[in-house]
Structures are given as C-alpha cells and as structure tokens.
C-alpha cells in the first residue's frame, strides 16, 4: 500500500517511512475492534460463516459436552482484510483460533 501511494503520487522516496506509517494506520482503521463491530458488518458475518463451514467440511472440530474436572480451551475471532494493489479491501477474513 505504501509503495502504491508513493508511486501514484510521484512523491519523493525520502518520505517512505511516513507512507508506511499512513498505510498501517489506514489498514488498522478498516479492521473491527472486536466481535461486536464484526457482527454489525455483513461481510464479516459471511467470513465467520465461511470459517465455520470449513471446519465442518474438513471435519476438524466437534462440539462436545464439557468433561468433568477439565478446563475448556477458549477461542477468539481474529479479523483481517485482504487488499489489492490500490489499497481497497478485496476480502474480509475471519479466523477462529484457540486462546493462549
């Protein structure tokens, strides 16, 4: 994204660090801060559903009752965006990962 900004604007290369800083800021502003923000965005809901469908399709996850005297491994959602060369979001991604 930084390279595209510098090339498209014909800016001098000595502002490379500022371009990278700006690109990081813009990228981070497009990510949801948590599950509540993601649930308000239909694109992230679709991405979460795709992730859960992959679990079913690959048969890598089975929901079981909690065993006695055992702790449960928590999970959390990680949200990312895929960008094209001009910095536009091409795809929203959601991954369900184990905590810890």
PDB file of N, CA and C in Angstrom:
ATOM      1  N   UNK A   1       0.827  -1.177   0.000  1.00  0.00           N
ATOM      2  CA  UNK A   1       0.000   0.000   0.000  1.00  0.00           C
ATOM      3  C   UNK A   1       0.881   1.254   0.000  1.00  0.00           C
ATOM      4  N   UNK A   2       1.953   1.231   0.793  1.00  0.00           N
ATOM      5  CA  UNK A   2       2.855   2.387   0.852  1.00  0.00           C
ATOM      6  C   UNK A   2       3.529   2.621  -0.497  1.00  0.00           C
ATOM      7  N   UNK A   3       3.960   1.542  -1.128  1.00  0.00           N
ATOM      8  CA  UNK A   3       4.611   1.656  -2.441  1.00  0.00           C
ATOM      9  C   UNK A   3       3.657   2.269  -3.462  1.00  0.00           C
ATOM     10  N   UNK A   4       2.406   1.835  -3.427  1.00  0.00           N
ATOM     11  CA  UNK A   4       1.405   2.378  -4.352  1.00  0.00           C
ATOM     12  C   UNK A   4       1.188   3.861  -4.106  1.00  0.00           C
ATOM     13  N   UNK A   5       1.114   4.266  -2.835  1.00  0.00           N
ATOM     14  CA  UNK A   5       0.908   5.683  -2.524  1.00  0.00           C
ATOM     15  C   UNK A   5       2.063   6.527  -3.051  1.00  0.00           C
ATOM     16  N   UNK A   6       3.290   6.063  -2.869  1.00  0.00           N
ATOM     17  CA  UNK A   6       4.456   6.836  -3.316  1.00  0.00           C
ATOM     18  C   UNK A   6       4.499   6.895  -4.844  1.00  0.00           C
ATOM     19  N   UNK A   7       4.272   5.753  -5.497  1.00  0.00           N
ATOM     20  CA  UNK A   7       4.337   5.723  -6.969  1.00  0.00           C
ATOM     21  C   UNK A   7       3.228   6.554  -7.607  1.00  0.00           C
ATOM     22  N   UNK A   8       2.006   6.421  -7.083  1.00  0.00           N
ATOM     23  CA  UNK A   8       0.866   7.127  -7.669  1.00  0.00           C
ATOM     24  C   UNK A   8       0.935   8.638  -7.447  1.00  0.00           C
ATOM     25  N   UNK A   9       1.513   9.057  -6.360  1.00  0.00           N
ATOM     26  CA  UNK A   9       1.553  10.497  -6.065  1.00  0.00           C
ATOM     27  C   UNK A   9       2.837  11.157  -6.567  1.00  0.00           C
ATOM     28  N   UNK A  10       3.775  10.353  -7.103  1.00  0.00           N
ATOM     29  CA  UNK A  10       5.076  10.877  -7.538  1.00  0.00           C
ATOM     30  C   UNK A  10       5.797  11.599  -6.408  1.00  0.00           C
ATOM     31  N   UNK A  11       5.583  11.123  -5.186  1.00  0.00           N
ATOM     32  CA  UNK A  11       6.224  11.740  -4.023  1.00  0.00           C
ATOM     33  C   UNK A  11       7.679  11.273  -3.950  1.00  0.00           C
ATOM     34  N   UNK A  12       8.542  12.074  -3.336  1.00  0.00           N
ATOM     35  CA  UNK A  12       9.937  11.664  -3.196  1.00  0.00           C
ATOM     36  C   UNK A  12      10.062  10.444  -2.281  1.00  0.00           C
ATOM     37  N   UNK A  13      11.051   9.625  -2.543  1.00  0.00           N
ATOM     38  CA  UNK A  13      11.235   8.400  -1.781  1.00  0.00           C
ATOM     39  C   UNK A  13      11.702   8.642  -0.352  1.00  0.00           C
ATOM     40  N   UNK A  14      12.120   9.856  -0.027  1.00  0.00           N
ATOM     41  CA  UNK A  14      12.572  10.114   1.343  1.00  0.00           C
ATOM     42  C   UNK A  14      11.410  10.207   2.336  1.00  0.00           C
ATOM     43  N   UNK A  15      10.168  10.143   1.848  1.00  0.00           N
ATOM     44  CA  UNK A  15       9.030  10.119   2.778  1.00  0.00           C
ATOM     45  C   UNK A  15       8.477   8.706   2.923  1.00  0.00           C
ATOM     46  N   UNK A  16       9.300   7.712   2.578  1.00  0.00           N
ATOM     47  CA  UNK A  16       8.890   6.309   2.635  1.00  0.00           C
ATOM     48  C   UNK A  16       8.349   5.930   4.022  1.00  0.00           C
ATOM     49  N   UNK A  17       9.026   6.326   5.077  1.00  0.00           N
ATOM     50  CA  UNK A  17       8.593   5.961   6.430  1.00  0.00           C
ATOM     51  C   UNK A  17       7.208   6.521   6.726  1.00  0.00           C
ATOM     52  N   UNK A  18       6.963   7.735   6.296  1.00  0.00           N
ATOM     53  CA  UNK A  18       5.642   8.337   6.518  1.00  0.00           C
ATOM     54  C   UNK A  18       4.567   7.610   5.719  1.00  0.00           C
ATOM     55  N   UNK A  19       4.900   7.171   4.511  1.00  0.00           N
ATOM     56  CA  UNK A  19       3.943   6.421   3.690  1.00  0.00           C
ATOM     57  C   UNK A  19       3.601   5.084   4.346  1.00  0.00           C
ATOM     58  N   UNK A  20       4.596   4.397   4.890  1.00  0.00           N
ATOM     59  CA  UNK A  20       4.355   3.125   5.577  1.00  0.00           C
ATOM     60  C   UNK A  20       3.500   3.357   6.818  1.00  0.00           C
ATOM     61  N   UNK A  21       3.806   4.411   7.568  1.00  0.00           N
ATOM     62  CA  UNK A  21       3.042   4.750   8.759  1.00  0.00           C
ATOM     63  C   UNK A  21       1.575   5.012   8.398  1.00  0.00           C
ATOM     64  N   UNK A  22       1.348   5.767   7.341  1.00  0.00           N
ATOM     65  CA  UNK A  22      -0.013   6.073   6.896  1.00  0.00           C
ATOM     66  C   UNK A  22      -0.730   4.808   6.435  1.00  0.00           C
ATOM     67  N   UNK A  23      -0.036   3.951   5.693  1.00  0.00           N
ATOM     68  CA  UNK A  23      -0.637   2.702   5.215  1.00  0.00           C
ATOM     69  C   UNK A  23      -1.055   1.815   6.393  1.00  0.00           C
ATOM     70  N   UNK A  24      -0.215   1.737   7.414  1.00  0.00           N
ATOM     71  CA  UNK A  24      -0.557   0.940   8.600  1.00  0.00           C
ATOM     72  C   UNK A  24      -1.773   1.523   9.311  1.00  0.00           C
ATOM     73  N   UNK A  25      -1.809   2.831   9.430  1.00  0.00           N
ATOM     74  CA  UNK A  25      -2.934   3.491  10.087  1.00  0.00           C
ATOM     75  C   UNK A  25      -4.226   3.206   9.339  1.00  0.00           C
ATOM     76  N   UNK A  26      -4.192   3.340   8.009  1.00  0.00           N
ATOM     77  CA  UNK A  26      -5.393   3.104   7.200  1.00  0.00           C
ATOM     78  C   UNK A  26      -5.828   1.648   7.308  1.00  0.00           C
ATOM     79  N   UNK A  27      -4.888   0.723   7.252  1.00  0.00           N
ATOM     80  CA  UNK A  27      -5.222  -0.703   7.355  1.00  0.00           C
ATOM     81  C   UNK A  27      -5.871  -1.023   8.693  1.00  0.00           C
ATOM     82  N   UNK A  28      -5.330  -0.475   9.751  1.00  0.00           N
ATOM     83  CA  UNK A  28      -5.866  -0.756  11.076  1.00  0.00           C
ATOM     84  C   UNK A  28      -7.237  -0.130  11.285  1.00  0.00           C
ATOM     85  N   UNK A  29      -7.536   0.969  10.622  1.00  0.00           N
ATOM     86  CA  UNK A  29      -8.841   1.604  10.759  1.00  0.00           C
ATOM     87  C   UNK A  29      -9.937   0.765  10.097  1.00  0.00           C
ATOM     88  N   UNK A  30      -9.594  -0.087   9.145  1.00  0.00           N
ATOM     89  CA  UNK A  30     -10.599  -0.896   8.447  1.00  0.00           C
ATOM     90  C   UNK A  30     -10.904  -2.189   9.163  1.00  0.00           C
ATOM     91  N   UNK A  31     -10.178  -2.533  10.193  1.00  0.00           N
ATOM     92  CA  UNK A  31     -10.422  -3.778  10.930  1.00  0.00           C
ATOM     93  C   UNK A  31     -11.401  -3.518  12.051  1.00  0.00           C
ATOM     94  N   UNK A  32     -12.304  -4.504  12.343  1.00  0.00           N
ATOM     95  CA  UNK A  32     -13.172  -4.308  13.506  1.00  0.00           C
ATOM     96  C   UNK A  32     -12.360  -4.452  14.788  1.00  0.00           C
ATOM     97  N   UNK A  33     -12.737  -3.709  15.793  1.00  0.00           N
ATOM     98  CA  UNK A  33     -12.024  -3.746  17.067  1.00  0.00           C
ATOM     99  C   UNK A  33     -12.412  -4.957  17.903  1.00  0.00           C
ATOM    100  N   UNK A  34     -13.529  -5.563  17.597  1.00  0.00           N
ATOM    101  CA  UNK A  34     -13.957  -6.730  18.364  1.00  0.00           C
ATOM    102  C   UNK A  34     -15.139  -7.396  17.707  1.00  0.00           C
ATOM    103  N   UNK A  35     -15.641  -8.400  18.388  1.00  0.00           N
ATOM    104  CA  UNK A  35     -16.733  -9.198  17.830  1.00  0.00           C
ATOM    105  C   UNK A  35     -17.996  -8.368  17.625  1.00  0.00           C
ATOM    106  N   UNK A  36     -18.245  -7.389  18.509  1.00  0.00           N
ATOM    107  CA  UNK A  36     -19.461  -6.582  18.369  1.00  0.00           C
ATOM    108  C   UNK A  36     -19.454  -5.759  17.085  1.00  0.00           C
ATOM    109  N   UNK A  37     -18.317  -5.192  16.746  1.00  0.00           N
ATOM    110  CA  UNK A  37     -18.213  -4.443  15.479  1.00  0.00           C
ATOM    111  C   UNK A  37     -18.323  -5.379  14.289  1.00  0.00           C
ATOM    112  N   UNK A  38     -17.729  -6.553  14.385  1.00  0.00           N
ATOM    113  CA  UNK A  38     -17.783  -7.513  13.278  1.00  0.00           C
ATOM    114  C   UNK A  38     -19.209  -7.990  13.050  1.00  0.00           C
ATOM    115  N   UNK A  39     -19.972  -8.165  14.116  1.00  0.00           N
ATOM    116  CA  UNK A  39     -21.354  -8.627  13.971  1.00  0.00           C
ATOM    117  C   UNK A  39     -22.254  -7.575  13.337  1.00  0.00           C
ATOM    118  N   UNK A  40     -21.808  -6.323  13.310  1.00  0.00           N
ATOM    119  CA  UNK A  40     -22.564  -5.264  12.635  1.00  0.00           C
ATOM    120  C   UNK A  40     -22.248  -5.190  11.145  1.00  0.00           C
ATOM    121  N   UNK A  41     -21.239  -5.912  10.698  1.00  0.00           N
ATOM    122  CA  UNK A  41     -20.809  -5.860   9.300  1.00  0.00           C
ATOM    123  C   UNK A  41     -21.172  -7.172   8.598  1.00  0.00           C
ATOM    124  N   UNK A  42     -22.076  -7.138   7.601  1.00  0.00           N
ATOM    125  CA  UNK A  42     -22.485  -8.369   6.928  1.00  0.00           C
ATOM    126  C   UNK A  42     -21.320  -9.104   6.260  1.00  0.00           C
ATOM    127  N   UNK A  43     -20.284  -8.379   5.831  1.00  0.00           N
ATOM    128  CA  UNK A  43     -19.128  -9.023   5.204  1.00  0.00           C
ATOM    129  C   UNK A  43     -18.359  -9.884   6.198  1.00  0.00           C
ATOM    130  N   UNK A  44     -18.240  -9.424   7.436  1.00  0.00           N
ATOM    131  CA  UNK A  44     -17.551 -10.223   8.451  1.00  0.00           C
ATOM    132  C   UNK A  44     -18.414 -11.390   8.919  1.00  0.00           C
ATOM    133  N   UNK A  45     -19.723 -11.212   8.949  1.00  0.00           N
ATOM    134  CA  UNK A  45     -20.609 -12.325   9.299  1.00  0.00           C
ATOM    135  C   UNK A  45     -20.445 -13.440   8.273  1.00  0.00           C
ATOM    136  N   UNK A  46     -20.394 -13.076   7.005  1.00  0.00           N
ATOM    137  CA  UNK A  46     -20.172 -14.058   5.943  1.00  0.00           C
ATOM    138  C   UNK A  46     -18.812 -14.741   6.099  1.00  0.00           C
ATOM    139  N   UNK A  47     -17.776 -13.972   6.436  1.00  0.00           N
ATOM    140  CA  UNK A  47     -16.433 -14.537   6.627  1.00  0.00           C
ATOM    141  C   UNK A  47     -16.414 -15.513   7.800  1.00  0.00           C
ATOM    142  N   UNK A  48     -17.119 -15.182   8.883  1.00  0.00           N
ATOM    143  CA  UNK A  48     -17.180 -16.087  10.031  1.00  0.00           C
ATOM    144  C   UNK A  48     -17.919 -17.375   9.662  1.00  0.00           C
ATOM    145  N   UNK A  49     -18.993 -17.242   8.894  1.00  0.00           N
ATOM    146  CA  UNK A  49     -19.738 -18.421   8.472  1.00  0.00           C
ATOM    147  C   UNK A  49     -18.887 -19.315   7.574  1.00  0.00           C
ATOM    148  N   UNK A  50     -18.109 -18.695   6.680  1.00  0.00           N
ATOM    149  CA  UNK A  50     -17.207 -19.468   5.817  1.00  0.00           C
ATOM    150  C   UNK A  50     -16.176 -20.242   6.643  1.00  0.00           C
ATOM    151  N   UNK A  51     -15.659 -19.620   7.696  1.00  0.00           N
ATOM    152  CA  UNK A  51     -14.682 -20.280   8.561  1.00  0.00           C
ATOM    153  C   UNK A  51     -15.313 -21.491   9.257  1.00  0.00           C
ATOM    154  N   UNK A  52     -16.519 -21.326   9.773  1.00  0.00           N
ATOM    155  CA  UNK A  52     -17.194 -22.439  10.444  1.00  0.00           C
ATOM    156  C   UNK A  52     -17.547 -23.543   9.449  1.00  0.00           C
ATOM    157  N   UNK A  53     -17.921 -23.172   8.220  1.00  0.00           N
ATOM    158  CA  UNK A  53     -18.201 -24.167   7.185  1.00  0.00           C
ATOM    159  C   UNK A  53     -16.952 -24.968   6.835  1.00  0.00           C
ATOM    160  N   UNK A  54     -15.787 -24.304   6.838  1.00  0.00           N
ATOM    161  CA  UNK A  54     -14.522 -25.002   6.577  1.00  0.00           C
ATOM    162  C   UNK A  54     -14.249 -26.052   7.660  1.00  0.00           C
ATOM    163  N   UNK A  55     -14.556 -25.717   8.914  1.00  0.00           N
ATOM    164  CA  UNK A  55     -14.383 -26.677  10.000  1.00  0.00           C
ATOM    165  C   UNK A  55     -15.238 -27.916   9.756  1.00  0.00           C
ATOM    166  N   UNK A  56     -16.492 -27.685   9.365  1.00  0.00           N
ATOM    167  CA  UNK A  56     -17.391 -28.814   9.092  1.00  0.00           C
ATOM    168  C   UNK A  56     -16.907 -29.631   7.902  1.00  0.00           C
ATOM    169  N   UNK A  57     -16.565 -28.945   6.835  1.00  0.00           N
ATOM    170  CA  UNK A  57     -16.144 -29.621   5.601  1.00  0.00           C
ATOM    171  C   UNK A  57     -14.887 -30.469   5.824  1.00  0.00           C
ATOM    172  N   UNK A  58     -13.941 -29.936   6.592  1.00  0.00           N
ATOM    173  CA  UNK A  58     -12.681 -30.647   6.844  1.00  0.00           C
ATOM    174  C   UNK A  58     -12.754 -31.592   8.043  1.00  0.00           C
ATOM    175  N   UNK A  59     -13.882 -31.579   8.747  1.00  0.00           N
ATOM    176  CA  UNK A  59     -14.096 -32.444   9.917  1.00  0.00           C
ATOM    177  C   UNK A  59     -12.957 -32.313  10.935  1.00  0.00           C
ATOM    178  N   UNK A  60     -12.645 -31.058  11.292  1.00  0.00           N
ATOM    179  CA  UNK A  60     -11.548 -30.805  12.233  1.00  0.00           C
ATOM    180  C   UNK A  60     -12.043 -30.349  13.608  1.00  0.00           C
ATOM    181  N   UNK A  61     -13.364 -30.233  13.758  1.00  0.00           N
ATOM    182  CA  UNK A  61     -13.870 -29.697  15.010  1.00  0.00           C
ATOM    183  C   UNK A  61     -15.194 -30.353  15.335  1.00  0.00           C
ATOM    184  N   UNK A  62     -15.328 -30.819  16.557  1.00  0.00           N
ATOM    185  CA  UNK A  62     -16.579 -31.409  17.024  1.00  0.00           C
ATOM    186  C   UNK A  62     -16.904 -30.790  18.373  1.00  0.00           C
ATOM    187  N   UNK A  63     -18.124 -30.325  18.505  1.00  0.00           N
ATOM    188  CA  UNK A  63     -18.561 -29.742  19.770  1.00  0.00           C
ATOM    189  C   UNK A  63     -18.990 -30.868  20.704  1.00  0.00           C
ATOM    190  N   UNK A  64     -18.395 -30.908  21.892  1.00  0.00           N
ATOM    191  CA  UNK A  64     -18.669 -31.957  22.873  1.00  0.00           C
ATOM    192  C   UNK A  64     -19.110 -31.323  24.183  1.00  0.00           C
ATOM    193  N   UNK A  65     -19.805 -32.095  25.021  1.00  0.00           N
ATOM    194  CA  UNK A  65     -20.122 -31.561  26.359  1.00  0.00           C
ATOM    195  C   UNK A  65     -18.842 -31.391  27.172  1.00  0.00           C
ATOM    196  N   UNK A  66     -18.895 -30.475  28.122  1.00  0.00           N
ATOM    197  CA  UNK A  66     -17.714 -30.204  28.948  1.00  0.00           C
ATOM    198  C   UNK A  66     -17.393 -31.415  29.823  1.00  0.00           C
ATOM    199  N   UNK A  67     -16.139 -31.907  29.729  1.00  0.00           N
ATOM    200  CA  UNK A  67     -15.756 -33.025  30.602  1.00  0.00           C
ATOM    201  C   UNK A  67     -15.584 -32.538  32.045  1.00  0.00           C
ATOM    202  N   UNK A  68     -15.867 -33.421  32.967  1.00  0.00           N
ATOM    203  CA  UNK A  68     -15.711 -33.059  34.380  1.00  0.00           C
ATOM    204  C   UNK A  68     -14.229 -32.928  34.728  1.00  0.00           C
ATOM    205  N   UNK A  69     -13.919 -32.019  35.611  1.00  0.00           N
ATOM    206  CA  UNK A  69     -12.560 -31.795  36.111  1.00  0.00           C
ATOM    207  C   UNK A  69     -11.556 -31.433  35.016  1.00  0.00           C
ATOM    208  N   UNK A  70     -12.011 -30.831  33.960  1.00  0.00           N
ATOM    209  CA  UNK A  70     -11.129 -30.382  32.874  1.00  0.00           C
ATOM    210  C   UNK A  70     -11.460 -28.936  32.528  1.00  0.00           C
ATOM    211  N   UNK A  71     -10.440 -28.199  32.181  1.00  0.00           N
ATOM    212  CA  UNK A  71     -10.689 -26.818  31.759  1.00  0.00           C
ATOM    213  C   UNK A  71     -10.970 -26.799  30.253  1.00  0.00           C
ATOM    214  N   UNK A  72     -11.675 -25.785  29.842  1.00  0.00           N
ATOM    215  CA  UNK A  72     -12.048 -25.644  28.436  1.00  0.00           C
ATOM    216  C   UNK A  72     -11.066 -24.699  27.768  1.00  0.00           C
ATOM    217  N   UNK A  73     -10.647 -25.035  26.563  1.00  0.00           N
ATOM    218  CA  UNK A  73      -9.772 -24.152  25.787  1.00  0.00           C
ATOM    219  C   UNK A  73     -10.656 -23.099  25.141  1.00  0.00           C
ATOM    220  N   UNK A  74     -10.393 -21.858  25.446  1.00  0.00           N
ATOM    221  CA  UNK A  74     -11.177 -20.764  24.896  1.00  0.00           C
ATOM    222  C   UNK A  74     -10.801 -20.479  23.448  1.00  0.00           C
ATOM    223  N   UNK A  75     -11.677 -19.792  22.767  1.00  0.00           N
ATOM    224  CA  UNK A  75     -11.425 -19.391  21.376  1.00  0.00           C
ATOM    225  C   UNK A  75     -11.673 -17.901  21.238  1.00  0.00           C
ATOM    226  N   UNK A  76     -11.140 -17.361  20.179  1.00  0.00           N
ATOM    227  CA  UNK A  76     -11.435 -15.966  19.862  1.00  0.00           C
ATOM    228  C   UNK A  76     -11.372 -15.788  18.353  1.00  0.00           C
ATOM    229  N   UNK A  77     -12.072 -14.787  17.859  1.00  0.00           N
ATOM    230  CA  UNK A  77     -12.073 -14.480  16.430  1.00  0.00           C
ATOM    231  C   UNK A  77     -10.969 -13.486  16.120  1.00  0.00           C
ATOM    232  N   UNK A  78     -10.249 -13.729  15.031  1.00  0.00           N
ATOM    233  CA  UNK A  78      -9.227 -12.803  14.524  1.00  0.00           C
ATOM    234  C   UNK A  78      -9.710 -12.333  13.164  1.00  0.00           C
ATOM    235  N   UNK A  79      -9.797 -11.021  12.984  1.00  0.00           N
ATOM    236  CA  UNK A  79     -10.321 -10.443  11.750  1.00  0.00           C
ATOM    237  C   UNK A  79      -9.204  -9.770  10.975  1.00  0.00           C
ATOM    238  N   UNK A  80      -9.180 -10.012   9.669  1.00  0.00           N
ATOM    239  CA  UNK A  80      -8.184  -9.401   8.786  1.00  0.00           C
ATOM    240  C   UNK A  80      -8.844  -9.023   7.477  1.00  0.00           C
ATOM    241  N   UNK A  81      -8.185  -8.136   6.770  1.00  0.00           N
ATOM    242  CA  UNK A  81      -8.645  -7.740   5.444  1.00  0.00           C
ATOM    243  C   UNK A  81      -7.576  -8.068   4.423  1.00  0.00           C
ATOM    244  N   UNK A  82      -7.998  -8.471   3.241  1.00  0.00           N
ATOM    245  CA  UNK A  82      -7.076  -8.641   2.119  1.00  0.00           C
ATOM    246  C   UNK A  82      -7.270  -7.435   1.220  1.00  0.00           C
ATOM    247  N   UNK A  83      -6.155  -6.845   0.765  1.00  0.00           N
ATOM    248  CA  UNK A  83      -6.196  -5.630  -0.040  1.00  0.00           C
ATOM    249  C   UNK A  83      -5.653  -5.894  -1.430  1.00  0.00           C
ATOM    250  N   UNK A  84      -6.097  -5.095  -2.402  1.00  0.00           N
ATOM    251  CA  UNK A  84      -5.488  -5.140  -3.735  1.00  0.00           C
ATOM    252  C   UNK A  84      -4.367  -4.106  -3.783  1.00  0.00           C
ATOM    253  N   UNK A  85      -3.774  -3.929  -4.965  1.00  0.00           N
ATOM    254  CA  UNK A  85      -2.616  -3.025  -5.094  1.00  0.00           C
ATOM    255  C   UNK A  85      -2.945  -1.581  -4.751  1.00  0.00           C
ATOM    256  N   UNK A  86      -4.201  -1.175  -4.959  1.00  0.00           N
ATOM    257  CA  UNK A  86      -4.556   0.220  -4.683  1.00  0.00           C
ATOM    258  C   UNK A  86      -5.015   0.436  -3.241  1.00  0.00           C
ATOM    259  N   UNK A  87      -5.011  -0.625  -2.446  1.00  0.00           N
ATOM    260  CA  UNK A  87      -5.363  -0.481  -1.039  1.00  0.00           C
ATOM    261  C   UNK A  87      -6.828  -0.705  -0.731  1.00  0.00           C
ATOM    262  N   UNK A  88      -7.621  -1.077  -1.728  1.00  0.00           N
ATOM    263  CA  UNK A  88      -9.039  -1.345  -1.490  1.00  0.00           C
ATOM    264  C   UNK A  88      -9.204  -2.750  -0.919  1.00  0.00           C
ATOM    265  N   UNK A  89     -10.190  -2.904  -0.048  1.00  0.00           N
ATOM    266  CA  UNK A  89     -10.444  -4.215   0.548  1.00  0.00           C
ATOM    267  C   UNK A  89     -11.011  -5.143  -0.510  1.00  0.00           C
ATOM    268  N   UNK A  90     -10.366  -6.291  -0.680  1.00  0.00           N
ATOM    269  CA  UNK A  90     -10.813  -7.293  -1.639  1.00  0.00           C
ATOM    270  C   UNK A  90     -11.658  -8.347  -0.928  1.00  0.00           C
ATOM    271  N   UNK A  91     -11.266  -8.679   0.313  1.00  0.00           N
ATOM    272  CA  UNK A  91     -11.937  -9.741   1.038  1.00  0.00           C
ATOM    273  C   UNK A  91     -11.741  -9.558   2.533  1.00  0.00           C
ATOM    274  N   UNK A  92     -12.794  -9.827   3.283  1.00  0.00           N
ATOM    275  CA  UNK A  92     -12.690  -9.833   4.738  1.00  0.00           C
ATOM    276  C   UNK A  92     -12.463 -11.269   5.166  1.00  0.00           C
ATOM    277  N   UNK A  93     -11.558 -11.481   6.131  1.00  0.00           N
ATOM    278  CA  UNK A  93     -11.264 -12.816   6.617  1.00  0.00           C
ATOM    279  C   UNK A  93     -11.517 -12.879   8.110  1.00  0.00           C
ATOM    280  N   UNK A  94     -12.012 -14.006   8.535  1.00  0.00           N
ATOM    281  CA  UNK A  94     -12.223 -14.248   9.956  1.00  0.00           C
ATOM    282  C   UNK A  94     -11.657 -15.626  10.268  1.00  0.00           C
ATOM    283  N   UNK A  95     -10.899 -15.718  11.350  1.00  0.00           N
ATOM    284  CA  UNK A  95     -10.334 -16.993  11.772  1.00  0.00           C
ATOM    285  C   UNK A  95     -10.691 -17.219  13.231  1.00  0.00           C
ATOM    286  N   UNK A  96     -11.157 -18.417  13.514  1.00  0.00           N
ATOM    287  CA  UNK A  96     -11.431 -18.797  14.894  1.00  0.00           C
ATOM    288  C   UNK A  96     -10.195 -19.525  15.399  1.00  0.00           C
ATOM    289  N   UNK A  97      -9.563 -18.978  16.425  1.00  0.00           N
ATOM    290  CA  UNK A  97      -8.304 -19.541  16.932  1.00  0.00           C
ATOM    291  C   UNK A  97      -8.425 -19.856  18.416  1.00  0.00           C
ATOM    292  N   UNK A  98      -7.584 -20.782  18.874  1.00  0.00           N
ATOM    293  CA  UNK A  98      -7.541 -21.124  20.296  1.00  0.00           C
ATOM    294  C   UNK A  98      -6.801 -20.026  21.052  1.00  0.00           C
ATOM    295  N   UNK A  99      -7.295 -19.685  22.214  1.00  0.00           N
ATOM    296  CA  UNK A  99      -6.623 -18.675  23.049  1.00  0.00           C
ATOM    297  C   UNK A  99      -5.403 -19.291  23.710  1.00  0.00           C
ATOM    298  N   UNK A 100      -4.391 -18.447  23.878  1.00  0.00           N
ATOM    299  CA  UNK A 100      -3.222 -18.904  24.613  1.00  0.00           C
ATOM    300  C   UNK A 100      -2.098 -19.390  23.761  1.00  0.00           C
TER     301      UNK A 100
END
